[in-house]
Amino acid sequence: MNLAVVGVPSSAGARSVGQEKAPAVLRGAGLVEKLGEAGHEVIDYGDAESFCFIRDAHNPKAQNKFAVMKVCRHLADKVERALQDGFNPIVLGGDCTIAIGSLTGIVNIFPNVGLLYFDGDADLNTPETTTTGILDGMVVAHIIGRGVRELSHLAGRYPILREEDIVLFGLNLASGYVDAPEIEFLKSSPIVRFSTKRIRDAGVESAARQAFDSLKFKAEKIFVHFDVDVIDVSDMPAADVPHQGGLSFDEAARALKIFAQSEGFLGMEITEFNADKDLHRRLATKMTELVASSLG
């Protein structure tokens, strides 16, 4: 493939600092070089807007919403340019709100796109339901047209994606981070869900193919959002909010390989890796190897 690496050194939508350092750390661990060694043509498009998390007393229910909007607009421009140049975007985050920016850029080139949201959480809270005001817990809500206007209307169309164009893969209900309003919303939503239990019951590879195929029949291209908190804390303590009861590192790697090597795969983003929790860069090295190997 022709791959465009884009960094997003931002923790604007997070609850603490550390994620803004992830793009530099993953590059430093040799990600760009490993992708090239795997046989891909790789161009590094540099970084989108940078922002370090601060408490936003002026927007307690949507903290740093204007910074998130600025970051996402800059990222959207880079992703759109990469696609116009014929490259598949590999986006290095950064917190989960970068998905809004990635998709804003994508839908201008590929209007018929599906989102495979490989994440331990549903991210379906809104400013009305949130208990924290942290926007990385509201990402999918904004993509489907809910939440604050500045983010839900960021793309040239509204909503950015329909609910039926999204699959949640790796949903970890046992972690305690999926809130009651999110669970209630999903009861009547056409968003397809693959919980950790469903994945293991079906087998990782089989579940991954089912998830990808459920979008492939509706979408021309499929973009993968990969939040490292889908991996259990025992294997991924560097997740910004580590989750218990998640997939093992090996299970996540096997699923990601199915996604990345399937026809219709458009690109991926890696989010929620907190470099401050990986001082010896052991996990950054594992992450670069996982991403490079998944792309073949």
C-alpha atoms as a PDB file:
ATOM      1  CA  MET A   1       0.000   0.000   0.000  1.00  0.00           C
ATOM      2  CA  ASN A   2       0.875   3.667  -0.237  1.00  0.00           C
ATOM      3  CA  LEU A   3       0.739   4.890   3.356  1.00  0.00           C
ATOM      4  CA  ALA A   4       0.624   8.421   4.741  1.00  0.00           C
ATOM      5  CA  VAL A   5       1.613   8.731   8.398  1.00  0.00           C
ATOM      6  CA  VAL A   6      -0.013  11.686  10.161  1.00  0.00           C
ATOM      7  CA  GLY A   7       0.705  12.565  13.767  1.00  0.00           C
ATOM      8  CA  VAL A   8      -1.808  14.234  16.089  1.00  0.00           C
ATOM      9  CA  PRO A   9       0.119  15.321  19.196  1.00  0.00           C
ATOM     10  CA  SER A  10      -2.982  16.301  21.129  1.00  0.00           C
ATOM     11  CA  SER A  11      -4.644  15.390  24.405  1.00  0.00           C
ATOM     12  CA  ALA A  12      -7.278  18.117  23.995  1.00  0.00           C
ATOM     13  CA  GLY A  13     -10.170  15.695  24.442  1.00  0.00           C
ATOM     14  CA  ALA A  14      -8.539  13.646  27.186  1.00  0.00           C
ATOM     15  CA  ARG A  15      -8.600  13.849  30.972  1.00  0.00           C
ATOM     16  CA  SER A  16      -4.841  14.172  31.514  1.00  0.00           C
ATOM     17  CA  VAL A  17      -1.587  14.757  29.672  1.00  0.00           C
ATOM     18  CA  GLY A  18       0.633  12.151  28.000  1.00  0.00           C
ATOM     19  CA  GLN A  19      -1.216  11.218  24.827  1.00  0.00           C
ATOM     20  CA  GLU A  20       0.141  14.250  22.989  1.00  0.00           C
ATOM     21  CA  LYS A  21       3.592  12.620  23.169  1.00  0.00           C
ATOM     22  CA  ALA A  22       2.512   9.359  21.520  1.00  0.00           C
ATOM     23  CA  PRO A  23       3.126  10.282  17.845  1.00  0.00           C
ATOM     24  CA  ALA A  24       6.753  11.229  18.529  1.00  0.00           C
ATOM     25  CA  VAL A  25       7.273   8.125  20.665  1.00  0.00           C
ATOM     26  CA  LEU A  26       5.809   5.770  18.043  1.00  0.00           C
ATOM     27  CA  ARG A  27       7.893   7.381  15.313  1.00  0.00           C
ATOM     28  CA  GLY A  28      10.921   7.139  17.617  1.00  0.00           C
ATOM     29  CA  ALA A  29      10.258   3.419  18.011  1.00  0.00           C
ATOM     30  CA  GLY A  30      10.671   3.055  14.248  1.00  0.00           C
ATOM     31  CA  LEU A  31       7.095   2.840  12.994  1.00  0.00           C
ATOM     32  CA  VAL A  32       7.728   4.651   9.701  1.00  0.00           C
ATOM     33  CA  GLU A  33      10.812   2.538   9.000  1.00  0.00           C
ATOM     34  CA  LYS A  34       9.042  -0.713   9.879  1.00  0.00           C
ATOM     35  CA  LEU A  35       6.193   0.089   7.508  1.00  0.00           C
ATOM     36  CA  GLY A  36       8.733   0.709   4.766  1.00  0.00           C
ATOM     37  CA  GLU A  37      10.541  -2.545   5.540  1.00  0.00           C
ATOM     38  CA  ALA A  38       7.196  -4.343   5.154  1.00  0.00           C
ATOM     39  CA  GLY A  39       7.173  -3.257   1.507  1.00  0.00           C
ATOM     40  CA  HIS A  40       4.918  -0.214   1.620  1.00  0.00           C
ATOM     41  CA  GLU A  41       5.618   3.194   0.157  1.00  0.00           C
ATOM     42  CA  VAL A  42       5.466   5.499   3.171  1.00  0.00           C
ATOM     43  CA  ILE A  43       5.346   9.279   3.384  1.00  0.00           C
ATOM     44  CA  ASP A  44       5.306  11.079   6.717  1.00  0.00           C
ATOM     45  CA  TYR A  45       2.869  14.004   6.404  1.00  0.00           C
ATOM     46  CA  GLY A  46       4.045  15.447   9.701  1.00  0.00           C
ATOM     47  CA  ASP A  47       1.830  16.519  12.571  1.00  0.00           C
ATOM     48  CA  ALA A  48      -1.591  18.086  12.793  1.00  0.00           C
ATOM     49  CA  GLU A  49      -2.368  20.709  15.429  1.00  0.00           C
ATOM     50  CA  SER A  50      -0.813  20.148  18.850  1.00  0.00           C
ATOM     51  CA  PHE A  51      -2.604  20.697  22.145  1.00  0.00           C
ATOM     52  CA  CYS A  52      -1.890  19.628  25.712  1.00  0.00           C
ATOM     53  CA  PHE A  53      -4.824  18.933  28.024  1.00  0.00           C
ATOM     54  CA  ILE A  54      -5.847  21.612  30.509  1.00  0.00           C
ATOM     55  CA  ARG A  55      -8.952  21.915  32.639  1.00  0.00           C
ATOM     56  CA  ASP A  56     -11.569  24.043  30.877  1.00  0.00           C
ATOM     57  CA  ALA A  57     -13.693  25.756  33.494  1.00  0.00           C
ATOM     58  CA  HIS A  58     -15.614  27.675  30.813  1.00  0.00           C
ATOM     59  CA  ASN A  59     -16.956  24.485  29.179  1.00  0.00           C
ATOM     60  CA  PRO A  60     -17.390  21.976  32.021  1.00  0.00           C
ATOM     61  CA  LYS A  61     -19.681  19.687  29.976  1.00  0.00           C
ATOM     62  CA  ALA A  62     -17.529  19.773  26.818  1.00  0.00           C
ATOM     63  CA  GLN A  63     -14.013  20.509  27.954  1.00  0.00           C
ATOM     64  CA  ASN A  64     -11.611  22.062  25.438  1.00  0.00           C
ATOM     65  CA  LYS A  65     -14.231  21.838  22.701  1.00  0.00           C
ATOM     66  CA  PHE A  66     -12.699  24.676  20.698  1.00  0.00           C
ATOM     67  CA  ALA A  67      -9.224  23.132  20.900  1.00  0.00           C
ATOM     68  CA  VAL A  68     -10.640  19.760  19.825  1.00  0.00           C
ATOM     69  CA  MET A  69     -12.391  21.458  16.913  1.00  0.00           C
ATOM     70  CA  LYS A  70      -9.153  23.165  15.821  1.00  0.00           C
ATOM     71  CA  VAL A  71      -7.165  19.924  16.046  1.00  0.00           C
ATOM     72  CA  CYS A  72      -9.817  18.014  14.094  1.00  0.00           C
ATOM     73  CA  ARG A  73     -10.009  20.625  11.332  1.00  0.00           C
ATOM     74  CA  HIS A  74      -6.242  20.538  10.847  1.00  0.00           C
ATOM     75  CA  LEU A  75      -6.231  16.736  10.836  1.00  0.00           C
ATOM     76  CA  ALA A  76      -9.127  16.621   8.369  1.00  0.00           C
ATOM     77  CA  ASP A  77      -7.136  18.734   5.932  1.00  0.00           C
ATOM     78  CA  LYS A  78      -4.135  16.409   6.163  1.00  0.00           C
ATOM     79  CA  VAL A  79      -6.209  13.239   5.791  1.00  0.00           C
ATOM     80  CA  GLU A  80      -8.084  14.665   2.818  1.00  0.00           C
ATOM     81  CA  ARG A  81      -4.822  15.650   1.133  1.00  0.00           C
ATOM     82  CA  ALA A  82      -3.313  12.198   1.750  1.00  0.00           C
ATOM     83  CA  LEU A  83      -6.337  10.523   0.152  1.00  0.00           C
ATOM     84  CA  GLN A  84      -6.237  12.908  -2.807  1.00  0.00           C
ATOM     85  CA  ASP A  85      -2.578  11.963  -3.268  1.00  0.00           C
ATOM     86  CA  GLY A  86      -3.516   8.264  -3.343  1.00  0.00           C
ATOM     87  CA  PHE A  87      -2.279   7.322   0.146  1.00  0.00           C
ATOM     88  CA  ASN A  88      -4.001   5.351   2.891  1.00  0.00           C
ATOM     89  CA  PRO A  89      -3.849   7.353   6.149  1.00  0.00           C
ATOM     90  CA  ILE A  90      -2.176   5.920   9.237  1.00  0.00           C
ATOM     91  CA  VAL A  91      -3.008   8.441  11.951  1.00  0.00           C
ATOM     92  CA  LEU A  92      -1.057   8.485  15.209  1.00  0.00           C
ATOM     93  CA  GLY A  93      -3.004  10.002  18.108  1.00  0.00           C
ATOM     94  CA  GLY A  94      -3.688  11.490  20.425  1.00  0.00           C
ATOM     95  CA  ASP A  95      -7.001  10.994  22.181  1.00  0.00           C
ATOM     96  CA  CYS A  96     -10.118   9.458  20.615  1.00  0.00           C
ATOM     97  CA  THR A  97     -11.591  12.755  19.440  1.00  0.00           C
ATOM     98  CA  ILE A  98      -9.221  12.627  16.467  1.00  0.00           C
ATOM     99  CA  ALA A  99     -11.739  10.217  14.879  1.00  0.00           C
ATOM    100  CA  ILE A 100     -13.992  13.214  14.228  1.00  0.00           C
ATOM    101  CA  GLY A 101     -11.180  14.885  12.299  1.00  0.00           C
ATOM    102  CA  SER A 102     -10.151  11.770  10.395  1.00  0.00           C
ATOM    103  CA  LEU A 103     -13.708  11.105   9.239  1.00  0.00           C
ATOM    104  CA  THR A 104     -14.330  14.747   8.385  1.00  0.00           C
ATOM    105  CA  GLY A 105     -11.462  14.503   5.921  1.00  0.00           C
ATOM    106  CA  ILE A 106     -12.421  11.049   4.668  1.00  0.00           C
ATOM    107  CA  VAL A 107     -16.072  11.733   3.801  1.00  0.00           C
ATOM    108  CA  ASN A 108     -15.061  14.497   1.399  1.00  0.00           C
ATOM    109  CA  ILE A 109     -13.235  11.882  -0.712  1.00  0.00           C
ATOM    110  CA  PHE A 110     -15.142   8.675   0.127  1.00  0.00           C
ATOM    111  CA  PRO A 111     -18.715   9.606   1.081  1.00  0.00           C
ATOM    112  CA  ASN A 112     -19.676   5.927   1.369  1.00  0.00           C
ATOM    113  CA  VAL A 113     -17.376   4.977   4.236  1.00  0.00           C
ATOM    114  CA  GLY A 114     -17.843   2.716   7.237  1.00  0.00           C
ATOM    115  CA  LEU A 115     -16.221   3.042  10.652  1.00  0.00           C
ATOM    116  CA  LEU A 116     -14.901   0.029  12.526  1.00  0.00           C
ATOM    117  CA  TYR A 117     -14.570   1.400  16.051  1.00  0.00           C
ATOM    118  CA  PHE A 118     -12.090  -0.984  17.700  1.00  0.00           C
ATOM    119  CA  ASP A 119     -12.407   0.285  21.251  1.00  0.00           C
ATOM    120  CA  GLY A 120     -13.250  -0.899  24.734  1.00  0.00           C
ATOM    121  CA  ASP A 121     -15.809   1.876  25.098  1.00  0.00           C
ATOM    122  CA  ALA A 122     -18.916   3.050  23.256  1.00  0.00           C
ATOM    123  CA  ASP A 123     -18.064   6.788  23.505  1.00  0.00           C
ATOM    124  CA  LEU A 124     -21.743   7.651  23.191  1.00  0.00           C
ATOM    125  CA  ASN A 125     -22.092  10.123  26.025  1.00  0.00           C
ATOM    126  CA  THR A 126     -23.178  13.689  25.285  1.00  0.00           C
ATOM    127  CA  PRO A 127     -22.829  16.920  27.266  1.00  0.00           C
ATOM    128  CA  GLU A 128     -26.260  16.093  28.688  1.00  0.00           C
ATOM    129  CA  THR A 129     -25.250  12.643  29.986  1.00  0.00           C
ATOM    130  CA  THR A 130     -21.551  13.043  30.779  1.00  0.00           C
ATOM    131  CA  THR A 131     -20.321  13.085  34.356  1.00  0.00           C
ATOM    132  CA  THR A 132     -16.853  14.382  33.419  1.00  0.00           C
ATOM    133  CA  GLY A 133     -17.213  16.672  30.414  1.00  0.00           C
ATOM    134  CA  ILE A 134     -14.311  14.845  28.765  1.00  0.00           C
ATOM    135  CA  LEU A 135     -14.908  14.740  25.014  1.00  0.00           C
ATOM    136  CA  ASP A 136     -13.100  11.487  24.288  1.00  0.00           C
ATOM    137  CA  GLY A 137     -16.072   9.769  25.907  1.00  0.00           C
ATOM    138  CA  MET A 138     -18.445  11.408  23.378  1.00  0.00           C
ATOM    139  CA  VAL A 139     -16.721  10.672  20.055  1.00  0.00           C
ATOM    140  CA  VAL A 140     -19.243   8.342  18.422  1.00  0.00           C
ATOM    141  CA  ALA A 141     -22.093  10.538  19.636  1.00  0.00           C
ATOM    142  CA  HIS A 142     -20.659  13.486  17.712  1.00  0.00           C
ATOM    143  CA  ILE A 143     -19.958  11.397  14.616  1.00  0.00           C
ATOM    144  CA  ILE A 144     -23.640  10.408  14.440  1.00  0.00           C
ATOM    145  CA  GLY A 145     -24.843  13.990  14.941  1.00  0.00           C
ATOM    146  CA  ARG A 146     -25.343  14.385  18.668  1.00  0.00           C
ATOM    147  CA  GLY A 147     -23.492  16.568  21.173  1.00  0.00           C
ATOM    148  CA  VAL A 148     -22.040  20.038  20.602  1.00  0.00           C
ATOM    149  CA  ARG A 149     -22.657  21.657  17.236  1.00  0.00           C
ATOM    150  CA  GLU A 150     -19.029  22.731  16.771  1.00  0.00           C
ATOM    151  CA  LEU A 151     -18.001  19.067  16.472  1.00  0.00           C
ATOM    152  CA  SER A 152     -21.089  17.285  15.145  1.00  0.00           C
ATOM    153  CA  HIS A 153     -21.270  19.746  12.218  1.00  0.00           C
ATOM    154  CA  LEU A 154     -17.542  19.810  11.468  1.00  0.00           C
ATOM    155  CA  ALA A 155     -17.785  17.962   8.144  1.00  0.00           C
ATOM    156  CA  GLY A 156     -19.443  19.164   4.967  1.00  0.00           C
ATOM    157  CA  ARG A 157     -22.423  16.941   5.701  1.00  0.00           C
ATOM    158  CA  TYR A 158     -24.519  16.134   8.748  1.00  0.00           C
ATOM    159  CA  PRO A 159     -24.287  13.734  10.370  1.00  0.00           C
ATOM    160  CA  ILE A 160     -20.725  12.715   9.565  1.00  0.00           C
ATOM    161  CA  LEU A 161     -21.837   9.048   9.565  1.00  0.00           C
ATOM    162  CA  ARG A 162     -25.131   7.253  10.048  1.00  0.00           C
ATOM    163  CA  GLU A 163     -25.466   4.858  12.963  1.00  0.00           C
ATOM    164  CA  GLU A 164     -25.778   1.885  10.584  1.00  0.00           C
ATOM    165  CA  ASP A 165     -22.339   2.729   9.132  1.00  0.00           C
ATOM    166  CA  ILE A 166     -20.592   2.023  12.447  1.00  0.00           C
ATOM    167  CA  VAL A 167     -19.507  -1.196  14.171  1.00  0.00           C
ATOM    168  CA  LEU A 168     -18.292  -1.187  17.780  1.00  0.00           C
ATOM    169  CA  PHE A 169     -15.709  -3.945  18.104  1.00  0.00           C
ATOM    170  CA  GLY A 170     -14.222  -4.915  21.485  1.00  0.00           C
ATOM    171  CA  LEU A 171     -16.933  -3.292  23.590  1.00  0.00           C
ATOM    172  CA  ASN A 172     -15.946  -4.058  27.170  1.00  0.00           C
ATOM    173  CA  LEU A 173     -19.070  -3.868  29.301  1.00  0.00           C
ATOM    174  CA  ALA A 174     -17.293  -5.440  32.270  1.00  0.00           C
ATOM    175  CA  SER A 175     -14.784  -2.600  32.518  1.00  0.00           C
ATOM    176  CA  GLY A 176     -17.237  -0.246  34.206  1.00  0.00           C
ATOM    177  CA  TYR A 177     -16.542   2.564  31.720  1.00  0.00           C
ATOM    178  CA  VAL A 178     -19.653   2.116  29.559  1.00  0.00           C
ATOM    179  CA  ASP A 179     -22.272   4.271  31.244  1.00  0.00           C
ATOM    180  CA  ALA A 180     -25.973   3.553  31.713  1.00  0.00           C
ATOM    181  CA  PRO A 181     -27.143   6.237  29.211  1.00  0.00           C
ATOM    182  CA  GLU A 182     -24.863   4.718  26.567  1.00  0.00           C
ATOM    183  CA  ILE A 183     -26.217   1.218  27.178  1.00  0.00           C
ATOM    184  CA  GLU A 184     -29.765   2.557  27.017  1.00  0.00           C
ATOM    185  CA  PHE A 185     -29.054   4.334  23.718  1.00  0.00           C
ATOM    186  CA  LEU A 186     -27.623   1.183  22.160  1.00  0.00           C
ATOM    187  CA  LYS A 187     -30.796  -0.782  22.906  1.00  0.00           C
ATOM    188  CA  SER A 188     -32.576   0.994  20.058  1.00  0.00           C
ATOM    189  CA  SER A 189     -29.594   1.862  17.854  1.00  0.00           C
ATOM    190  CA  PRO A 190     -28.659   0.073  14.605  1.00  0.00           C
ATOM    191  CA  ILE A 191     -24.986   0.350  15.558  1.00  0.00           C
ATOM    192  CA  VAL A 192     -23.619  -3.216  15.432  1.00  0.00           C
ATOM    193  CA  ARG A 193     -21.793  -4.352  18.576  1.00  0.00           C
ATOM    194  CA  PHE A 194     -19.148  -7.008  19.072  1.00  0.00           C
ATOM    195  CA  SER A 195     -18.492  -7.274  22.797  1.00  0.00           C
ATOM    196  CA  THR A 196     -15.401  -8.995  24.141  1.00  0.00           C
ATOM    197  CA  LYS A 197     -17.614 -11.962  25.029  1.00  0.00           C
ATOM    198  CA  ARG A 198     -19.087 -12.166  21.528  1.00  0.00           C
ATOM    199  CA  ILE A 199     -15.597 -11.966  20.023  1.00  0.00           C
ATOM    200  CA  ARG A 200     -14.279 -14.821  22.140  1.00  0.00           C
ATOM    201  CA  ASP A 201     -17.385 -16.944  21.643  1.00  0.00           C
ATOM    202  CA  ALA A 202     -17.069 -16.637  17.862  1.00  0.00           C
ATOM    203  CA  GLY A 203     -13.266 -16.738  17.779  1.00  0.00           C
ATOM    204  CA  VAL A 204     -11.206 -13.605  17.182  1.00  0.00           C
ATOM    205  CA  GLU A 205     -10.584 -14.072  13.456  1.00  0.00           C
ATOM    206  CA  SER A 206     -14.162 -15.110  12.734  1.00  0.00           C
ATOM    207  CA  ALA A 207     -15.607 -12.203  14.705  1.00  0.00           C
ATOM    208  CA  ALA A 208     -13.238  -9.749  13.001  1.00  0.00           C
ATOM    209  CA  ARG A 209     -14.298 -10.979   9.553  1.00  0.00           C
ATOM    210  CA  GLN A 210     -17.979 -10.777  10.518  1.00  0.00           C
ATOM    211  CA  ALA A 211     -17.527  -7.226  11.780  1.00  0.00           C
ATOM    212  CA  PHE A 212     -15.646  -6.075   8.690  1.00  0.00           C
ATOM    213  CA  ASP A 213     -18.046  -7.814   6.311  1.00  0.00           C
ATOM    214  CA  SER A 214     -21.074  -6.259   8.012  1.00  0.00           C
ATOM    215  CA  LEU A 215     -19.717  -2.884   6.874  1.00  0.00           C
ATOM    216  CA  LYS A 216     -18.253  -3.989   3.554  1.00  0.00           C
ATOM    217  CA  PHE A 217     -21.686  -4.795   2.127  1.00  0.00           C
ATOM    218  CA  LYS A 218     -22.772  -1.200   2.776  1.00  0.00           C
ATOM    219  CA  ALA A 219     -19.601   0.872   2.421  1.00  0.00           C
ATOM    220  CA  GLU A 220     -17.066   1.429  -0.339  1.00  0.00           C
ATOM    221  CA  LYS A 221     -14.216   1.855   2.149  1.00  0.00           C
ATOM    222  CA  ILE A 222     -13.743   1.093   5.843  1.00  0.00           C
ATOM    223  CA  PHE A 223     -11.679   3.120   8.300  1.00  0.00           C
ATOM    224  CA  VAL A 224     -10.451   1.537  11.539  1.00  0.00           C
ATOM    225  CA  HIS A 225     -10.275   3.451  14.804  1.00  0.00           C
ATOM    226  CA  PHE A 226      -7.982   1.544  17.192  1.00  0.00           C
ATOM    227  CA  ASP A 227      -8.033   2.585  20.850  1.00  0.00           C
ATOM    228  CA  VAL A 228      -5.391   0.729  22.849  1.00  0.00           C
ATOM    229  CA  ASP A 229      -7.732   0.513  25.873  1.00  0.00           C
ATOM    230  CA  VAL A 230      -9.454  -2.356  24.054  1.00  0.00           C
ATOM    231  CA  ILE A 231      -6.436  -4.348  25.299  1.00  0.00           C
ATOM    232  CA  ASP A 232      -6.539  -5.588  28.889  1.00  0.00           C
ATOM    233  CA  VAL A 233      -4.538  -3.578  31.424  1.00  0.00           C
ATOM    234  CA  SER A 234      -2.293  -6.586  32.053  1.00  0.00           C
ATOM    235  CA  ASP A 235      -0.972  -6.251  28.499  1.00  0.00           C
ATOM    236  CA  MET A 236      -1.507  -2.510  27.944  1.00  0.00           C
ATOM    237  CA  PRO A 237      -0.899  -0.472  31.103  1.00  0.00           C
ATOM    238  CA  ALA A 238      -0.001   2.517  28.895  1.00  0.00           C
ATOM    239  CA  ALA A 239      -3.620   3.056  27.840  1.00  0.00           C
ATOM    240  CA  ASP A 240      -4.705   6.489  29.039  1.00  0.00           C
ATOM    241  CA  VAL A 241      -7.482   4.779  31.036  1.00  0.00           C
ATOM    242  CA  PRO A 242      -6.466   1.111  31.376  1.00  0.00           C
ATOM    243  CA  HIS A 243      -9.371  -1.354  31.212  1.00  0.00           C
ATOM    244  CA  GLN A 244      -9.759  -4.687  32.938  1.00  0.00           C
ATOM    245  CA  GLY A 245     -11.462  -7.517  31.083  1.00  0.00           C
ATOM    246  CA  GLY A 246     -10.272  -6.468  27.637  1.00  0.00           C
ATOM    247  CA  LEU A 247      -8.752  -8.475  24.825  1.00  0.00           C
ATOM    248  CA  SER A 248      -5.227  -9.769  25.145  1.00  0.00           C
ATOM    249  CA  PHE A 249      -2.492  -8.112  23.102  1.00  0.00           C
ATOM    250  CA  ASP A 250      -2.391 -11.161  20.857  1.00  0.00           C
ATOM    251  CA  GLU A 251      -6.162 -11.143  20.326  1.00  0.00           C
ATOM    252  CA  ALA A 252      -6.098  -7.458  19.402  1.00  0.00           C
ATOM    253  CA  ALA A 253      -3.208  -8.031  17.004  1.00  0.00           C
ATOM    254  CA  ARG A 254      -5.012 -10.880  15.277  1.00  0.00           C
ATOM    255  CA  ALA A 255      -8.180  -8.832  14.840  1.00  0.00           C
ATOM    256  CA  LEU A 256      -6.293  -5.803  13.549  1.00  0.00           C
ATOM    257  CA  LYS A 257      -4.502  -7.956  10.987  1.00  0.00           C
ATOM    258  CA  ILE A 258      -7.852  -9.200   9.634  1.00  0.00           C
ATOM    259  CA  PHE A 259      -9.093  -5.604   9.318  1.00  0.00           C
ATOM    260  CA  ALA A 260      -5.953  -4.211   7.710  1.00  0.00           C
ATOM    261  CA  GLN A 261      -5.603  -6.994   5.168  1.00  0.00           C
ATOM    262  CA  SER A 262      -9.245  -7.049   4.069  1.00  0.00           C
ATOM    263  CA  GLU A 263     -10.426  -5.628   0.771  1.00  0.00           C
ATOM    264  CA  GLY A 264     -11.877  -2.178   1.300  1.00  0.00           C
ATOM    265  CA  PHE A 265      -9.561  -1.235   4.182  1.00  0.00           C
ATOM    266  CA  LEU A 266      -8.913   2.509   3.918  1.00  0.00           C
ATOM    267  CA  GLY A 267      -6.610   3.212   6.844  1.00  0.00           C
ATOM    268  CA  MET A 268      -6.443   3.383  10.605  1.00  0.00           C
ATOM    269  CA  GLU A 269      -5.791   5.599  13.566  1.00  0.00           C
ATOM    270  CA  ILE A 270      -4.122   4.621  16.860  1.00  0.00           C
ATOM    271  CA  THR A 271      -5.396   6.425  19.950  1.00  0.00           C
ATOM    272  CA  GLU A 272      -5.201   6.678  23.751  1.00  0.00           C
ATOM    273  CA  PHE A 273      -1.548   5.590  24.069  1.00  0.00           C
ATOM    274  CA  ASN A 274      -0.184   7.570  27.012  1.00  0.00           C
ATOM    275  CA  ALA A 275       3.565   7.862  26.558  1.00  0.00           C
ATOM    276  CA  ASP A 276       4.012   9.031  30.166  1.00  0.00           C
ATOM    277  CA  LYS A 277       3.051   5.508  31.253  1.00  0.00           C
ATOM    278  CA  ASP A 278       5.689   3.872  29.052  1.00  0.00           C
ATOM    279  CA  LEU A 279       8.908   5.425  30.285  1.00  0.00           C
ATOM    280  CA  HIS A 280      11.161   2.666  28.937  1.00  0.00           C
ATOM    281  CA  ARG A 281       9.321   2.605  25.575  1.00  0.00           C
ATOM    282  CA  ARG A 282       8.782  -1.151  25.733  1.00  0.00           C
ATOM    283  CA  LEU A 283       5.099  -0.852  24.862  1.00  0.00           C
ATOM    284  CA  ALA A 284       5.765   1.714  22.142  1.00  0.00           C
ATOM    285  CA  THR A 285       8.037  -0.826  20.485  1.00  0.00           C
ATOM    286  CA  LYS A 286       5.339  -3.505  20.765  1.00  0.00           C
ATOM    287  CA  MET A 287       2.775  -1.133  19.297  1.00  0.00           C
ATOM    288  CA  THR A 288       4.950  -0.303  16.287  1.00  0.00           C
ATOM    289  CA  GLU A 289       5.496  -4.009  15.657  1.00  0.00           C
ATOM    290  CA  LEU A 290       1.746  -4.681  15.980  1.00  0.00           C
ATOM    291  CA  VAL A 291       0.796  -1.954  13.507  1.00  0.00           C
ATOM    292  CA  ALA A 292       3.521  -2.893  11.009  1.00  0.00           C
ATOM    293  CA  SER A 293       2.723  -6.601  11.151  1.00  0.00           C
ATOM    294  CA  SER A 294      -1.020  -5.997  10.818  1.00  0.00           C
ATOM    295  CA  LEU A 295      -0.402  -4.207   7.528  1.00  0.00           C
ATOM    296  CA  GLY A 296       1.559  -7.178   6.203  1.00  0.00           C
END
